[in-house]
Amino acid sequence: MFTVISPQKVKNSDGYIVQVANRYTVEYSDDDYTVAIEVDFGVTLGLYKNTLVASNKSNFEVTLNQVQYQKILDRIVKGLEAMGSQVEQL
């Protein structure tokens, strides 16, 4: 379940946050990671999944394993959909 914090930011009951940072970037954060991913706003929201970059809380870039990567990507999509966006993964 999502709570709308602002028109461009939602928080899930599991504690993670998804927000539109700017015209080209969506950010995700939880207790372990901060993630940025490139997007393209249009009729649908294009999510460029190969541009996902994760950092730990010390701001060091980290490599996610496939399970972590997919979990975070799914959470980002769900957060964007909770904001009313139709997401297309590119």
PDB file of N, CA and C in Angstrom:
ATOM      1  N   MET A   1       0.837  -1.175   0.000  1.00  0.00           N
ATOM      2  CA  MET A   1       0.000   0.000   0.000  1.00  0.00           C
ATOM      3  C   MET A   1       0.888   1.246   0.000  1.00  0.00           C
ATOM      4  N   PHE A   2       0.505   2.219  -0.794  1.00  0.00           N
ATOM      5  CA  PHE A   2       1.283   3.444  -0.927  1.00  0.00           C
ATOM      6  C   PHE A   2       0.571   4.627  -0.282  1.00  0.00           C
ATOM      7  N   THR A   3       1.373   5.500   0.283  1.00  0.00           N
ATOM      8  CA  THR A   3       0.902   6.781   0.793  1.00  0.00           C
ATOM      9  C   THR A   3       1.506   7.856  -0.092  1.00  0.00           C
ATOM     10  N   VAL A   4       0.677   8.757  -0.589  1.00  0.00           N
ATOM     11  CA  VAL A   4       1.169   9.854  -1.423  1.00  0.00           C
ATOM     12  C   VAL A   4       1.726  10.929  -0.496  1.00  0.00           C
ATOM     13  N   ILE A   5       3.016  11.207  -0.631  1.00  0.00           N
ATOM     14  CA  ILE A   5       3.674  12.237   0.169  1.00  0.00           C
ATOM     15  C   ILE A   5       3.568  13.584  -0.536  1.00  0.00           C
ATOM     16  N   SER A   6       3.715  13.546  -1.857  1.00  0.00           N
ATOM     17  CA  SER A   6       3.545  14.716  -2.711  1.00  0.00           C
ATOM     18  C   SER A   6       3.147  14.185  -4.088  1.00  0.00           C
ATOM     19  N   PRO A   7       2.795  15.068  -5.035  1.00  0.00           N
ATOM     20  CA  PRO A   7       2.397  14.559  -6.362  1.00  0.00           C
ATOM     21  C   PRO A   7       3.469  13.714  -7.049  1.00  0.00           C
ATOM     22  N   GLN A   8       4.730  13.878  -6.650  1.00  0.00           N
ATOM     23  CA  GLN A   8       5.818  13.152  -7.308  1.00  0.00           C
ATOM     24  C   GLN A   8       6.558  12.219  -6.365  1.00  0.00           C
ATOM     25  N   LYS A   9       5.945  11.868  -5.231  1.00  0.00           N
ATOM     26  CA  LYS A   9       6.640  11.050  -4.237  1.00  0.00           C
ATOM     27  C   LYS A   9       5.640  10.191  -3.472  1.00  0.00           C
ATOM     28  N   VAL A  10       5.923   8.867  -3.423  1.00  0.00           N
ATOM     29  CA  VAL A  10       5.081   7.946  -2.678  1.00  0.00           C
ATOM     30  C   VAL A  10       5.940   7.098  -1.742  1.00  0.00           C
ATOM     31  N   LYS A  11       5.327   6.679  -0.645  1.00  0.00           N
ATOM     32  CA  LYS A  11       6.005   5.812   0.311  1.00  0.00           C
ATOM     33  C   LYS A  11       5.170   4.552   0.493  1.00  0.00           C
ATOM     34  N   ASN A  12       5.835   3.410   0.392  1.00  0.00           N
ATOM     35  CA  ASN A  12       5.170   2.129   0.556  1.00  0.00           C
ATOM     36  C   ASN A  12       5.118   1.756   2.034  1.00  0.00           C
ATOM     37  N   SER A  13       4.129   0.967   2.414  1.00  0.00           N
ATOM     38  CA  SER A  13       4.003   0.532   3.803  1.00  0.00           C
ATOM     39  C   SER A  13       5.190  -0.328   4.241  1.00  0.00           C
ATOM     40  N   ASP A  14       5.971  -0.854   3.289  1.00  0.00           N
ATOM     41  CA  ASP A  14       7.201  -1.591   3.609  1.00  0.00           C
ATOM     42  C   ASP A  14       8.367  -0.653   3.905  1.00  0.00           C
ATOM     43  N   GLY A  15       8.167   0.663   3.718  1.00  0.00           N
ATOM     44  CA  GLY A  15       9.189   1.637   4.094  1.00  0.00           C
ATOM     45  C   GLY A  15       9.973   2.260   2.959  1.00  0.00           C
ATOM     46  N   TYR A  16       9.849   1.759   1.751  1.00  0.00           N
ATOM     47  CA  TYR A  16      10.626   2.343   0.655  1.00  0.00           C
ATOM     48  C   TYR A  16       9.878   3.509   0.019  1.00  0.00           C
ATOM     49  N   ILE A  17      10.663   4.393  -0.614  1.00  0.00           N
ATOM     50  CA  ILE A  17      10.138   5.602  -1.244  1.00  0.00           C
ATOM     51  C   ILE A  17      10.513   5.606  -2.723  1.00  0.00           C
ATOM     52  N   VAL A  18       9.575   6.005  -3.570  1.00  0.00           N
ATOM     53  CA  VAL A  18       9.818   6.211  -4.998  1.00  0.00           C
ATOM     54  C   VAL A  18       9.422   7.646  -5.296  1.00  0.00           C
ATOM     55  N   GLN A  19      10.328   8.368  -5.980  1.00  0.00           N
ATOM     56  CA  GLN A  19      10.025   9.761  -6.299  1.00  0.00           C
ATOM     57  C   GLN A  19      10.597  10.153  -7.649  1.00  0.00           C
ATOM     58  N   VAL A  20       9.898  11.069  -8.300  1.00  0.00           N
ATOM     59  CA  VAL A  20      10.408  11.653  -9.536  1.00  0.00           C
ATOM     60  C   VAL A  20      11.364  12.757  -9.117  1.00  0.00           C
ATOM     61  N   ALA A  21      12.638  12.588  -9.435  1.00  0.00           N
ATOM     62  CA  ALA A  21      13.650  13.562  -9.036  1.00  0.00           C
ATOM     63  C   ALA A  21      13.678  14.755  -9.983  1.00  0.00           C
ATOM     64  N   ASN A  22      13.573  14.467 -11.279  1.00  0.00           N
ATOM     65  CA  ASN A  22      13.540  15.513 -12.297  1.00  0.00           C
ATOM     66  C   ASN A  22      12.956  14.914 -13.577  1.00  0.00           C
ATOM     67  N   ARG A  23      13.002  15.659 -14.632  1.00  0.00           N
ATOM     68  CA  ARG A  23      12.393  15.239 -15.898  1.00  0.00           C
ATOM     69  C   ARG A  23      12.961  13.931 -16.441  1.00  0.00           C
ATOM     70  N   TYR A  24      14.181  13.582 -16.049  1.00  0.00           N
ATOM     71  CA  TYR A  24      14.855  12.418 -16.623  1.00  0.00           C
ATOM     72  C   TYR A  24      15.188  11.312 -15.630  1.00  0.00           C
ATOM     73  N   THR A  25      14.898  11.518 -14.350  1.00  0.00           N
ATOM     74  CA  THR A  25      15.356  10.583 -13.329  1.00  0.00           C
ATOM     75  C   THR A  25      14.285  10.288 -12.291  1.00  0.00           C
ATOM     76  N   VAL A  26      14.176   9.005 -11.949  1.00  0.00           N
ATOM     77  CA  VAL A  26      13.355   8.566 -10.822  1.00  0.00           C
ATOM     78  C   VAL A  26      14.310   7.994  -9.784  1.00  0.00           C
ATOM     79  N   GLU A  27      14.002   8.266  -8.520  1.00  0.00           N
ATOM     80  CA  GLU A  27      14.831   7.765  -7.429  1.00  0.00           C
ATOM     81  C   GLU A  27      14.025   6.826  -6.546  1.00  0.00           C
ATOM     82  N   TYR A  28      14.741   5.863  -5.995  1.00  0.00           N
ATOM     83  CA  TYR A  28      14.182   4.880  -5.069  1.00  0.00           C
ATOM     84  C   TYR A  28      15.090   4.861  -3.851  1.00  0.00           C
ATOM     85  N   SER A  29      14.514   4.743  -2.668  1.00  0.00           N
ATOM     86  CA  SER A  29      15.355   4.591  -1.483  1.00  0.00           C
ATOM     87  C   SER A  29      14.667   3.682  -0.475  1.00  0.00           C
ATOM     88  N   ASP A  30      15.498   2.883   0.193  1.00  0.00           N
ATOM     89  CA  ASP A  30      15.036   2.039   1.289  1.00  0.00           C
ATOM     90  C   ASP A  30      16.110   2.080   2.369  1.00  0.00           C
ATOM     91  N   ASP A  31      16.039   1.188   3.319  1.00  0.00           N
ATOM     92  CA  ASP A  31      17.005   1.205   4.422  1.00  0.00           C
ATOM     93  C   ASP A  31      18.426   0.867   3.981  1.00  0.00           C
ATOM     94  N   ASP A  32      18.574   0.195   2.843  1.00  0.00           N
ATOM     95  CA  ASP A  32      19.883  -0.263   2.398  1.00  0.00           C
ATOM     96  C   ASP A  32      20.452   0.484   1.200  1.00  0.00           C
ATOM     97  N   TYR A  33      19.588   0.904   0.282  1.00  0.00           N
ATOM     98  CA  TYR A  33      20.057   1.445  -0.988  1.00  0.00           C
ATOM     99  C   TYR A  33      19.369   2.747  -1.377  1.00  0.00           C
ATOM    100  N   THR A  34      20.089   3.511  -2.189  1.00  0.00           N
ATOM    101  CA  THR A  34      19.525   4.626  -2.929  1.00  0.00           C
ATOM    102  C   THR A  34      19.783   4.316  -4.393  1.00  0.00           C
ATOM    103  N   VAL A  35      18.748   4.428  -5.208  1.00  0.00           N
ATOM    104  CA  VAL A  35      18.845   4.031  -6.610  1.00  0.00           C
ATOM    105  C   VAL A  35      18.349   5.169  -7.491  1.00  0.00           C
ATOM    106  N   ALA A  36      19.032   5.373  -8.605  1.00  0.00           N
ATOM    107  CA  ALA A  36      18.577   6.315  -9.628  1.00  0.00           C
ATOM    108  C   ALA A  36      18.416   5.540 -10.932  1.00  0.00           C
ATOM    109  N   ILE A  37      17.382   5.906 -11.697  1.00  0.00           N
ATOM    110  CA  ILE A  37      17.140   5.253 -12.978  1.00  0.00           C
ATOM    111  C   ILE A  37      16.592   6.297 -13.949  1.00  0.00           C
ATOM    112  N   GLU A  38      17.026   6.211 -15.200  1.00  0.00           N
ATOM    113  CA  GLU A  38      16.595   7.170 -16.212  1.00  0.00           C
ATOM    114  C   GLU A  38      15.208   6.816 -16.726  1.00  0.00           C
ATOM    115  N   VAL A  39      14.428   7.877 -16.993  1.00  0.00           N
ATOM    116  CA  VAL A  39      13.071   7.719 -17.505  1.00  0.00           C
ATOM    117  C   VAL A  39      12.831   8.706 -18.632  1.00  0.00           C
ATOM    118  N   ASP A  40      11.753   8.461 -19.347  1.00  0.00           N
ATOM    119  CA  ASP A  40      11.322   9.355 -20.417  1.00  0.00           C
ATOM    120  C   ASP A  40       9.814   9.500 -20.299  1.00  0.00           C
ATOM    121  N   PHE A  41       9.361  10.714 -20.023  1.00  0.00           N
ATOM    122  CA  PHE A  41       7.933  10.958 -19.858  1.00  0.00           C
ATOM    123  C   PHE A  41       7.289  11.216 -21.215  1.00  0.00           C
ATOM    124  N   GLY A  42       6.195  10.541 -21.459  1.00  0.00           N
ATOM    125  CA  GLY A  42       5.422  10.708 -22.686  1.00  0.00           C
ATOM    126  C   GLY A  42       4.025  10.183 -22.423  1.00  0.00           C
ATOM    127  N   VAL A  43       3.398   9.603 -23.430  1.00  0.00           N
ATOM    128  CA  VAL A  43       2.087   8.993 -23.238  1.00  0.00           C
ATOM    129  C   VAL A  43       2.193   7.918 -22.158  1.00  0.00           C
ATOM    130  N   THR A  44       3.257   7.141 -22.234  1.00  0.00           N
ATOM    131  CA  THR A  44       3.611   6.222 -21.160  1.00  0.00           C
ATOM    132  C   THR A  44       4.944   6.688 -20.594  1.00  0.00           C
ATOM    133  N   LEU A  45       5.290   6.175 -19.443  1.00  0.00           N
ATOM    134  CA  LEU A  45       6.579   6.516 -18.843  1.00  0.00           C
ATOM    135  C   LEU A  45       7.565   5.433 -19.241  1.00  0.00           C
ATOM    136  N   GLY A  46       8.578   5.795 -20.021  1.00  0.00           N
ATOM    137  CA  GLY A  46       9.605   4.848 -20.421  1.00  0.00           C
ATOM    138  C   GLY A  46      10.642   4.722 -19.327  1.00  0.00           C
ATOM    139  N   LEU A  47      10.863   3.511 -18.851  1.00  0.00           N
ATOM    140  CA  LEU A  47      11.809   3.236 -17.771  1.00  0.00           C
ATOM    141  C   LEU A  47      12.987   2.478 -18.371  1.00  0.00           C
ATOM    142  N   TYR A  48      14.152   3.105 -18.416  1.00  0.00           N
ATOM    143  CA  TYR A  48      15.340   2.502 -19.024  1.00  0.00           C
ATOM    144  C   TYR A  48      16.047   1.651 -17.981  1.00  0.00           C
ATOM    145  N   LYS A  49      15.649   0.379 -17.904  1.00  0.00           N
ATOM    146  CA  LYS A  49      16.099  -0.471 -16.813  1.00  0.00           C
ATOM    147  C   LYS A  49      17.605  -0.729 -16.802  1.00  0.00           C
ATOM    148  N   ASN A  50      18.277  -0.590 -17.916  1.00  0.00           N
ATOM    149  CA  ASN A  50      19.731  -0.792 -17.934  1.00  0.00           C
ATOM    150  C   ASN A  50      20.505   0.399 -17.375  1.00  0.00           C
ATOM    151  N   THR A  51      19.797   1.470 -17.010  1.00  0.00           N
ATOM    152  CA  THR A  51      20.476   2.653 -16.466  1.00  0.00           C
ATOM    153  C   THR A  51      20.425   2.695 -14.939  1.00  0.00           C
ATOM    154  N   LEU A  52      19.858   1.664 -14.312  1.00  0.00           N
ATOM    155  CA  LEU A  52      19.734   1.636 -12.861  1.00  0.00           C
ATOM    156  C   LEU A  52      21.106   1.638 -12.200  1.00  0.00           C
ATOM    157  N   VAL A  53      21.304   2.589 -11.294  1.00  0.00           N
ATOM    158  CA  VAL A  53      22.559   2.704 -10.544  1.00  0.00           C
ATOM    159  C   VAL A  53      22.211   2.730  -9.064  1.00  0.00           C
ATOM    160  N   ALA A  54      22.821   1.836  -8.301  1.00  0.00           N
ATOM    161  CA  ALA A  54      22.537   1.730  -6.867  1.00  0.00           C
ATOM    162  C   ALA A  54      23.745   2.166  -6.050  1.00  0.00           C
ATOM    163  N   SER A  55      23.449   2.809  -4.929  1.00  0.00           N
ATOM    164  CA  SER A  55      24.474   3.206  -3.968  1.00  0.00           C
ATOM    165  C   SER A  55      24.040   2.734  -2.592  1.00  0.00           C
ATOM    166  N   ASN A  56      25.027   2.449  -1.749  1.00  0.00           N
ATOM    167  CA  ASN A  56      24.666   2.120  -0.374  1.00  0.00           C
ATOM    168  C   ASN A  56      24.538   3.418   0.409  1.00  0.00           C
ATOM    169  N   LYS A  57      24.217   3.327   1.670  1.00  0.00           N
ATOM    170  CA  LYS A  57      23.968   4.529   2.467  1.00  0.00           C
ATOM    171  C   LYS A  57      25.238   5.353   2.701  1.00  0.00           C
ATOM    172  N   SER A  58      26.406   4.803   2.390  1.00  0.00           N
ATOM    173  CA  SER A  58      27.664   5.553   2.481  1.00  0.00           C
ATOM    174  C   SER A  58      28.010   6.225   1.157  1.00  0.00           C
ATOM    175  N   ASN A  59      27.059   6.182   0.201  1.00  0.00           N
ATOM    176  CA  ASN A  59      27.217   6.767  -1.136  1.00  0.00           C
ATOM    177  C   ASN A  59      28.264   6.079  -1.993  1.00  0.00           C
ATOM    178  N   PHE A  60      28.520   4.811  -1.739  1.00  0.00           N
ATOM    179  CA  PHE A  60      29.404   4.034  -2.594  1.00  0.00           C
ATOM    180  C   PHE A  60      28.553   3.237  -3.565  1.00  0.00           C
ATOM    181  N   GLU A  61      28.893   3.313  -4.844  1.00  0.00           N
ATOM    182  CA  GLU A  61      28.151   2.560  -5.847  1.00  0.00           C
ATOM    183  C   GLU A  61      28.315   1.068  -5.580  1.00  0.00           C
ATOM    184  N   VAL A  62      27.232   0.339  -5.677  1.00  0.00           N
ATOM    185  CA  VAL A  62      27.253  -1.099  -5.430  1.00  0.00           C
ATOM    186  C   VAL A  62      26.660  -1.835  -6.618  1.00  0.00           C
ATOM    187  N   THR A  63      27.051  -3.097  -6.756  1.00  0.00           N
ATOM    188  CA  THR A  63      26.493  -3.958  -7.785  1.00  0.00           C
ATOM    189  C   THR A  63      25.433  -4.826  -7.129  1.00  0.00           C
ATOM    190  N   LEU A  64      24.237  -4.787  -7.671  1.00  0.00           N
ATOM    191  CA  LEU A  64      23.137  -5.592  -7.143  1.00  0.00           C
ATOM    192  C   LEU A  64      23.142  -6.955  -7.806  1.00  0.00           C
ATOM    193  N   ASN A  65      22.809  -7.994  -7.042  1.00  0.00           N
ATOM    194  CA  ASN A  65      22.626  -9.293  -7.689  1.00  0.00           C
ATOM    195  C   ASN A  65      21.274  -9.271  -8.412  1.00  0.00           C
ATOM    196  N   GLN A  66      20.996 -10.287  -9.189  1.00  0.00           N
ATOM    197  CA  GLN A  66      19.795 -10.288 -10.024  1.00  0.00           C
ATOM    198  C   GLN A  66      18.512 -10.212  -9.192  1.00  0.00           C
ATOM    199  N   VAL A  67      18.491 -10.869  -8.050  1.00  0.00           N
ATOM    200  CA  VAL A  67      17.299 -10.862  -7.194  1.00  0.00           C
ATOM    201  C   VAL A  67      17.060  -9.457  -6.636  1.00  0.00           C
ATOM    202  N   GLN A  68      18.112  -8.814  -6.129  1.00  0.00           N
ATOM    203  CA  GLN A  68      17.995  -7.446  -5.608  1.00  0.00           C
ATOM    204  C   GLN A  68      17.568  -6.484  -6.712  1.00  0.00           C
ATOM    205  N   TYR A  69      18.214  -6.602  -7.866  1.00  0.00           N
ATOM    206  CA  TYR A  69      17.921  -5.739  -9.003  1.00  0.00           C
ATOM    207  C   TYR A  69      16.443  -5.824  -9.384  1.00  0.00           C
ATOM    208  N   GLN A  70      15.939  -7.048  -9.533  1.00  0.00           N
ATOM    209  CA  GLN A  70      14.550  -7.239  -9.961  1.00  0.00           C
ATOM    210  C   GLN A  70      13.571  -6.758  -8.889  1.00  0.00           C
ATOM    211  N   LYS A  71      13.895  -6.989  -7.622  1.00  0.00           N
ATOM    212  CA  LYS A  71      13.022  -6.542  -6.531  1.00  0.00           C
ATOM    213  C   LYS A  71      12.898  -5.020  -6.530  1.00  0.00           C
ATOM    214  N   ILE A  72      14.023  -4.338  -6.673  1.00  0.00           N
ATOM    215  CA  ILE A  72      14.007  -2.876  -6.679  1.00  0.00           C
ATOM    216  C   ILE A  72      13.309  -2.352  -7.930  1.00  0.00           C
ATOM    217  N   LEU A  73      13.584  -2.934  -9.077  1.00  0.00           N
ATOM    218  CA  LEU A  73      12.929  -2.520 -10.323  1.00  0.00           C
ATOM    219  C   LEU A  73      11.410  -2.695 -10.209  1.00  0.00           C
ATOM    220  N   ASP A  74      10.965  -3.817  -9.672  1.00  0.00           N
ATOM    221  CA  ASP A  74       9.529  -4.044  -9.489  1.00  0.00           C
ATOM    222  C   ASP A  74       8.921  -3.008  -8.547  1.00  0.00           C
ATOM    223  N   ARG A  75       9.646  -2.679  -7.485  1.00  0.00           N
ATOM    224  CA  ARG A  75       9.153  -1.682  -6.536  1.00  0.00           C
ATOM    225  C   ARG A  75       9.051  -0.303  -7.181  1.00  0.00           C
ATOM    226  N   ILE A  76      10.019   0.036  -8.029  1.00  0.00           N
ATOM    227  CA  ILE A  76       9.977   1.324  -8.722  1.00  0.00           C
ATOM    228  C   ILE A  76       8.748   1.384  -9.632  1.00  0.00           C
ATOM    229  N   VAL A  77       8.520   0.326 -10.374  1.00  0.00           N
ATOM    230  CA  VAL A  77       7.354   0.281 -11.276  1.00  0.00           C
ATOM    231  C   VAL A  77       6.063   0.425 -10.476  1.00  0.00           C
ATOM    232  N   LYS A  78       5.938  -0.299  -9.371  1.00  0.00           N
ATOM    233  CA  LYS A  78       4.724  -0.219  -8.549  1.00  0.00           C
ATOM    234  C   LYS A  78       4.531   1.185  -7.982  1.00  0.00           C
ATOM    235  N   GLY A  79       5.631   1.817  -7.570  1.00  0.00           N
ATOM    236  CA  GLY A  79       5.542   3.188  -7.057  1.00  0.00           C
ATOM    237  C   GLY A  79       5.088   4.167  -8.126  1.00  0.00           C
ATOM    238  N   LEU A  80       5.636   4.041  -9.317  1.00  0.00           N
ATOM    239  CA  LEU A  80       5.242   4.920 -10.423  1.00  0.00           C
ATOM    240  C   LEU A  80       3.782   4.683 -10.815  1.00  0.00           C
ATOM    241  N   GLU A  81       3.364   3.432 -10.802  1.00  0.00           N
ATOM    242  CA  GLU A  81       1.960   3.132 -11.098  1.00  0.00           C
ATOM    243  C   GLU A  81       1.041   3.713 -10.020  1.00  0.00           C
ATOM    244  N   ALA A  82       1.501   3.719  -8.776  1.00  0.00           N
ATOM    245  CA  ALA A  82       0.710   4.309  -7.686  1.00  0.00           C
ATOM    246  C   ALA A  82       0.567   5.823  -7.873  1.00  0.00           C
ATOM    247  N   MET A  83       1.500   6.429  -8.609  1.00  0.00           N
ATOM    248  CA  MET A  83       1.413   7.862  -8.930  1.00  0.00           C
ATOM    249  C   MET A  83       0.531   8.102 -10.153  1.00  0.00           C
ATOM    250  N   GLY A  84       0.045   7.030 -10.775  1.00  0.00           N
ATOM    251  CA  GLY A  84      -0.838   7.176 -11.922  1.00  0.00           C
ATOM    252  C   GLY A  84      -0.168   7.023 -13.263  1.00  0.00           C
ATOM    253  N   SER A  85       1.083   6.625 -13.274  1.00  0.00           N
ATOM    254  CA  SER A  85       1.812   6.458 -14.543  1.00  0.00           C
ATOM    255  C   SER A  85       1.616   5.068 -15.114  1.00  0.00           C
ATOM    256  N   GLN A  86       1.543   5.020 -16.433  1.00  0.00           N
ATOM    257  CA  GLN A  86       1.580   3.747 -17.138  1.00  0.00           C
ATOM    258  C   GLN A  86       3.034   3.533 -17.536  1.00  0.00           C
ATOM    259  N   VAL A  87       3.664   2.491 -17.012  1.00  0.00           N
ATOM    260  CA  VAL A  87       5.103   2.296 -17.160  1.00  0.00           C
ATOM    261  C   VAL A  87       5.394   1.271 -18.248  1.00  0.00           C
ATOM    262  N   GLU A  88       6.354   1.631 -19.101  1.00  0.00           N
ATOM    263  CA  GLU A  88       6.857   0.723 -20.130  1.00  0.00           C
ATOM    264  C   GLU A  88       8.348   0.538 -19.867  1.00  0.00           C
ATOM    265  N   GLN A  89       8.745  -0.709 -19.616  1.00  0.00           N
ATOM    266  CA  GLN A  89      10.156  -0.992 -19.364  1.00  0.00           C
ATOM    267  C   GLN A  89      10.889  -1.152 -20.682  1.00  0.00           C
ATOM    268  N   LEU A  90      11.922  -0.365 -20.861  1.00  0.00           N
ATOM    269  CA  LEU A  90      12.690  -0.370 -22.114  1.00  0.00           C
ATOM    270  C   LEU A  90      14.077  -0.935 -21.883  1.00  0.00           C
TER     271      LEU A  90
END
